[in-house]
C-alpha cells in the first residue's frame, strides 16, 4: 500500500492510464477479429473495413499501447488476409 501522498497520486494516475490503454487494446482486438472473420467469407467487405482498423492500430502505437513494429506486423497480416 502506498504511504506517501505522491505515491497515492501516482496510483490514481496509473489506473486512469490503464483504463484508457485497456480500452484502446480492446477496440483494436475487436476490429482485428471482426476483419479476420469477415475475410473468410467476403474479402471486399473486409477490405472496406481495413482502413478503420489501420487507424485504430496506428493510434494504439502512437499512444504507446503497442510498439511500432507490433503495429506494423498487425497491419501487414491484416492486409495479407484481405488480398
C-alpha atoms as a PDB file:
ATOM      1  CA  UNK A   1       0.000   0.000   0.000  1.00  0.00           C
ATOM      2  CA  UNK A   2       1.239   3.474  -0.814  1.00  0.00           C
ATOM      3  CA  UNK A   3       2.186   5.601   2.139  1.00  0.00           C
ATOM      4  CA  UNK A   4       3.184   8.973   0.749  1.00  0.00           C
ATOM      5  CA  UNK A   5       0.760  11.352  -0.894  1.00  0.00           C
ATOM      6  CA  UNK A   6       2.701  11.312  -4.168  1.00  0.00           C
ATOM      7  CA  UNK A   7       2.571   7.502  -4.292  1.00  0.00           C
ATOM      8  CA  UNK A   8      -1.212   7.608  -3.841  1.00  0.00           C
ATOM      9  CA  UNK A   9      -1.491  10.177  -6.611  1.00  0.00           C
ATOM     10  CA  UNK A  10       0.724   8.075  -8.892  1.00  0.00           C
ATOM     11  CA  UNK A  11      -1.535   5.070  -8.389  1.00  0.00           C
ATOM     12  CA  UNK A  12      -4.613   7.108  -9.296  1.00  0.00           C
ATOM     13  CA  UNK A  13      -2.906   8.313 -12.464  1.00  0.00           C
ATOM     14  CA  UNK A  14      -1.717   4.864 -13.432  1.00  0.00           C
ATOM     15  CA  UNK A  15      -5.230   3.441 -13.003  1.00  0.00           C
ATOM     16  CA  UNK A  16      -6.621   6.126 -15.341  1.00  0.00           C
ATOM     17  CA  UNK A  17      -3.922   5.373 -17.905  1.00  0.00           C
ATOM     18  CA  UNK A  18      -4.535   1.635 -17.585  1.00  0.00           C
ATOM     19  CA  UNK A  19      -8.253   2.099 -18.247  1.00  0.00           C
ATOM     20  CA  UNK A  20      -7.501   4.178 -21.337  1.00  0.00           C
ATOM     21  CA  UNK A  21      -4.915   1.701 -22.625  1.00  0.00           C
ATOM     22  CA  UNK A  22      -7.190  -1.281 -21.969  1.00  0.00           C
ATOM     23  CA  UNK A  23      -9.974   0.424 -23.916  1.00  0.00           C
ATOM     24  CA  UNK A  24      -7.658   1.082 -26.877  1.00  0.00           C
ATOM     25  CA  UNK A  25      -6.394  -2.508 -26.799  1.00  0.00           C
ATOM     26  CA  UNK A  26      -9.906  -3.967 -26.617  1.00  0.00           C
ATOM     27  CA  UNK A  27     -11.155  -1.882 -29.565  1.00  0.00           C
ATOM     28  CA  UNK A  28      -8.101  -2.857 -31.592  1.00  0.00           C
ATOM     29  CA  UNK A  29      -8.501  -6.573 -30.876  1.00  0.00           C
ATOM     30  CA  UNK A  30     -12.221  -6.486 -31.631  1.00  0.00           C
ATOM     31  CA  UNK A  31     -11.791  -4.921 -35.063  1.00  0.00           C
ATOM     32  CA  UNK A  32      -8.936  -7.284 -35.945  1.00  0.00           C
ATOM     33  CA  UNK A  33     -11.037 -10.311 -35.024  1.00  0.00           C
ATOM     34  CA  UNK A  34     -14.009  -8.915 -36.940  1.00  0.00           C
ATOM     35  CA  UNK A  35     -11.926  -8.416 -40.086  1.00  0.00           C
ATOM     36  CA  UNK A  36     -10.373 -11.871 -39.799  1.00  0.00           C
ATOM     37  CA  UNK A  37     -13.837 -13.424 -39.522  1.00  0.00           C
ATOM     38  CA  UNK A  38     -15.294 -11.434 -42.425  1.00  0.00           C
ATOM     39  CA  UNK A  39     -12.244 -12.070 -44.632  1.00  0.00           C
ATOM     40  CA  UNK A  40     -13.023 -15.786 -44.658  1.00  0.00           C
ATOM     41  CA  UNK A  41     -16.336 -15.157 -46.408  1.00  0.00           C
ATOM     42  CA  UNK A  42     -16.294 -11.699 -48.019  1.00  0.00           C
ATOM     43  CA  UNK A  43     -12.922 -10.191 -48.945  1.00  0.00           C
ATOM     44  CA  UNK A  44     -14.398  -6.981 -50.379  1.00  0.00           C
ATOM     45  CA  UNK A  45     -16.241  -6.162 -47.159  1.00  0.00           C
ATOM     46  CA  UNK A  46     -13.085  -6.812 -45.146  1.00  0.00           C
ATOM     47  CA  UNK A  47     -11.136  -4.552 -47.498  1.00  0.00           C
ATOM     48  CA  UNK A  48     -13.604  -1.715 -46.774  1.00  0.00           C
ATOM     49  CA  UNK A  49     -13.043  -2.094 -43.026  1.00  0.00           C
ATOM     50  CA  UNK A  50      -9.261  -2.273 -43.201  1.00  0.00           C
ATOM     51  CA  UNK A  51      -8.676   1.496 -43.273  1.00  0.00           C
ATOM     52  CA  UNK A  52     -10.518   1.986 -39.984  1.00  0.00           C
ATOM     53  CA  UNK A  53      -8.538  -0.896 -38.486  1.00  0.00           C
ATOM     54  CA  UNK A  54      -5.273   0.704 -39.622  1.00  0.00           C
ATOM     55  CA  UNK A  55      -6.304   3.983 -37.980  1.00  0.00           C
ATOM     56  CA  UNK A  56      -7.085   2.228 -34.693  1.00  0.00           C
ATOM     57  CA  UNK A  57      -3.809   0.293 -34.777  1.00  0.00           C
ATOM     58  CA  UNK A  58      -1.841   3.469 -35.546  1.00  0.00           C
ATOM     59  CA  UNK A  59      -3.482   5.310 -32.661  1.00  0.00           C
ATOM     60  CA  UNK A  60      -2.588   2.462 -30.306  1.00  0.00           C
ATOM     61  CA  UNK A  61       1.025   2.593 -31.495  1.00  0.00           C
ATOM     62  CA  UNK A  62       1.170   6.377 -31.242  1.00  0.00           C
ATOM     63  CA  UNK A  63      -0.148   6.283 -27.687  1.00  0.00           C
ATOM     64  CA  UNK A  64       2.339   3.666 -26.599  1.00  0.00           C
ATOM     65  CA  UNK A  65      -0.231   0.915 -26.067  1.00  0.00           C
ATOM     66  CA  UNK A  66       1.646  -1.285 -28.537  1.00  0.00           C
ATOM     67  CA  UNK A  67       5.068  -0.850 -30.091  1.00  0.00           C
ATOM     68  CA  UNK A  68       5.701   0.428 -33.604  1.00  0.00           C
ATOM     69  CA  UNK A  69       6.854  -2.892 -35.045  1.00  0.00           C
ATOM     70  CA  UNK A  70       3.929  -4.691 -33.425  1.00  0.00           C
ATOM     71  CA  UNK A  71       1.575  -2.280 -35.182  1.00  0.00           C
ATOM     72  CA  UNK A  72       3.363  -2.809 -38.495  1.00  0.00           C
ATOM     73  CA  UNK A  73       3.099  -6.574 -38.097  1.00  0.00           C
ATOM     74  CA  UNK A  74      -0.630  -6.419 -37.321  1.00  0.00           C
ATOM     75  CA  UNK A  75      -1.279  -4.178 -40.327  1.00  0.00           C
ATOM     76  CA  UNK A  76       0.763  -6.438 -42.595  1.00  0.00           C
ATOM     77  CA  UNK A  77      -1.106  -9.546 -41.508  1.00  0.00           C
ATOM     78  CA  UNK A  78      -4.486  -7.838 -41.994  1.00  0.00           C
ATOM     79  CA  UNK A  79      -3.597  -6.660 -45.477  1.00  0.00           C
ATOM     80  CA  UNK A  80      -2.327 -10.123 -46.365  1.00  0.00           C
ATOM     81  CA  UNK A  81      -5.553 -11.899 -45.374  1.00  0.00           C
ATOM     82  CA  UNK A  82      -7.750  -9.408 -47.236  1.00  0.00           C
ATOM     83  CA  UNK A  83      -5.999  -9.959 -50.563  1.00  0.00           C
END
